[in-house]
Amino acid sequence: MGVTRLKRKDRRNKTTARLEVQFLKLGRNVELGSRSKLSKKSQIVKNNEVLSQLAAEAK
């Protein structure tokens, strides 16, 4: 039997799932150390600062 072609919806799901896994892996392998420290200009760092300020004000 030959190779079956995936329908468009299944192809899309396959690529979306692969990209999601890749994104999660990239986001979770931040380790302690100088190489993996986020830069001060990083949007994630800025967001964390704002969130911590709001949490402090709420208390």
C-alpha atoms as a PDB file:
ATOM      1  CA  MET A   1       0.000   0.000   0.000  1.00  0.00           C
ATOM      2  CA  GLY A   2       1.274   3.443  -0.887  1.00  0.00           C
ATOM      3  CA  VAL A   3       1.880   6.386   1.391  1.00  0.00           C
ATOM      4  CA  THR A   4      -1.385   8.092   2.258  1.00  0.00           C
ATOM      5  CA  ARG A   5      -1.579  11.847   2.002  1.00  0.00           C
ATOM      6  CA  LEU A   6      -2.873  13.753   4.962  1.00  0.00           C
ATOM      7  CA  LYS A   7      -5.830  16.023   4.504  1.00  0.00           C
ATOM      8  CA  ARG A   8      -5.180  19.730   4.858  1.00  0.00           C
ATOM      9  CA  LYS A   9      -6.647  19.877   8.373  1.00  0.00           C
ATOM     10  CA  ASP A  10      -4.447  17.006   9.572  1.00  0.00           C
ATOM     11  CA  ARG A  11      -1.331  18.518   8.009  1.00  0.00           C
ATOM     12  CA  ARG A  12      -2.080  21.784   9.773  1.00  0.00           C
ATOM     13  CA  ASN A  13      -2.610  20.009  13.103  1.00  0.00           C
ATOM     14  CA  LYS A  14       0.656  18.117  12.656  1.00  0.00           C
ATOM     15  CA  THR A  15       2.713  21.257  12.033  1.00  0.00           C
ATOM     16  CA  THR A  16       0.940  23.208  14.776  1.00  0.00           C
ATOM     17  CA  ALA A  17       1.617  20.460  17.304  1.00  0.00           C
ATOM     18  CA  ARG A  18       5.283  20.278  16.273  1.00  0.00           C
ATOM     19  CA  LEU A  19       5.707  24.040  16.599  1.00  0.00           C
ATOM     20  CA  GLU A  20       3.946  24.054  19.985  1.00  0.00           C
ATOM     21  CA  VAL A  21       6.303  21.405  21.329  1.00  0.00           C
ATOM     22  CA  GLN A  22       9.290  23.331  20.000  1.00  0.00           C
ATOM     23  CA  PHE A  23       8.021  26.541  21.633  1.00  0.00           C
ATOM     24  CA  LEU A  24       7.488  24.843  24.996  1.00  0.00           C
ATOM     25  CA  LYS A  25      10.946  23.278  24.912  1.00  0.00           C
ATOM     26  CA  LEU A  26      12.546  26.635  24.178  1.00  0.00           C
ATOM     27  CA  GLY A  27      10.626  28.306  26.984  1.00  0.00           C
ATOM     28  CA  ARG A  28      11.375  25.723  29.637  1.00  0.00           C
ATOM     29  CA  ASN A  29      15.067  25.045  29.290  1.00  0.00           C
ATOM     30  CA  VAL A  30      16.188  28.308  30.886  1.00  0.00           C
ATOM     31  CA  GLU A  31      18.841  27.338  33.405  1.00  0.00           C
ATOM     32  CA  LEU A  32      20.671  29.287  36.051  1.00  0.00           C
ATOM     33  CA  GLY A  33      23.858  30.767  34.709  1.00  0.00           C
ATOM     34  CA  SER A  34      25.218  33.684  32.793  1.00  0.00           C
ATOM     35  CA  ARG A  35      24.530  32.306  29.304  1.00  0.00           C
ATOM     36  CA  SER A  36      20.807  31.832  29.787  1.00  0.00           C
ATOM     37  CA  LYS A  37      20.103  35.068  31.670  1.00  0.00           C
ATOM     38  CA  LEU A  38      17.556  37.220  29.899  1.00  0.00           C
ATOM     39  CA  SER A  39      18.676  40.652  28.808  1.00  0.00           C
ATOM     40  CA  LYS A  40      17.303  43.664  30.677  1.00  0.00           C
ATOM     41  CA  LYS A  41      15.597  44.832  27.466  1.00  0.00           C
ATOM     42  CA  SER A  42      13.698  41.556  27.084  1.00  0.00           C
ATOM     43  CA  GLN A  43       9.923  41.921  27.027  1.00  0.00           C
ATOM     44  CA  ILE A  44       9.564  38.982  29.439  1.00  0.00           C
ATOM     45  CA  VAL A  45      11.751  40.745  32.014  1.00  0.00           C
ATOM     46  CA  LYS A  46       9.739  43.952  31.616  1.00  0.00           C
ATOM     47  CA  ASN A  47       6.462  42.052  32.004  1.00  0.00           C
ATOM     48  CA  ASN A  48       7.700  40.304  35.153  1.00  0.00           C
ATOM     49  CA  GLU A  49       8.718  43.648  36.681  1.00  0.00           C
ATOM     50  CA  VAL A  50       5.296  45.157  36.007  1.00  0.00           C
ATOM     51  CA  LEU A  51       3.547  42.081  37.418  1.00  0.00           C
ATOM     52  CA  SER A  52       5.657  42.146  40.581  1.00  0.00           C
ATOM     53  CA  GLN A  53       4.893  45.853  41.052  1.00  0.00           C
ATOM     54  CA  LEU A  54       1.174  45.235  40.682  1.00  0.00           C
ATOM     55  CA  ALA A  55       1.325  42.328  43.124  1.00  0.00           C
ATOM     56  CA  ALA A  56       3.157  44.499  45.654  1.00  0.00           C
ATOM     57  CA  GLU A  57       0.576  47.260  45.307  1.00  0.00           C
ATOM     58  CA  ALA A  58      -2.291  44.807  45.725  1.00  0.00           C
ATOM     59  CA  LYS A  59      -0.981  43.620  49.104  1.00  0.00           C
END
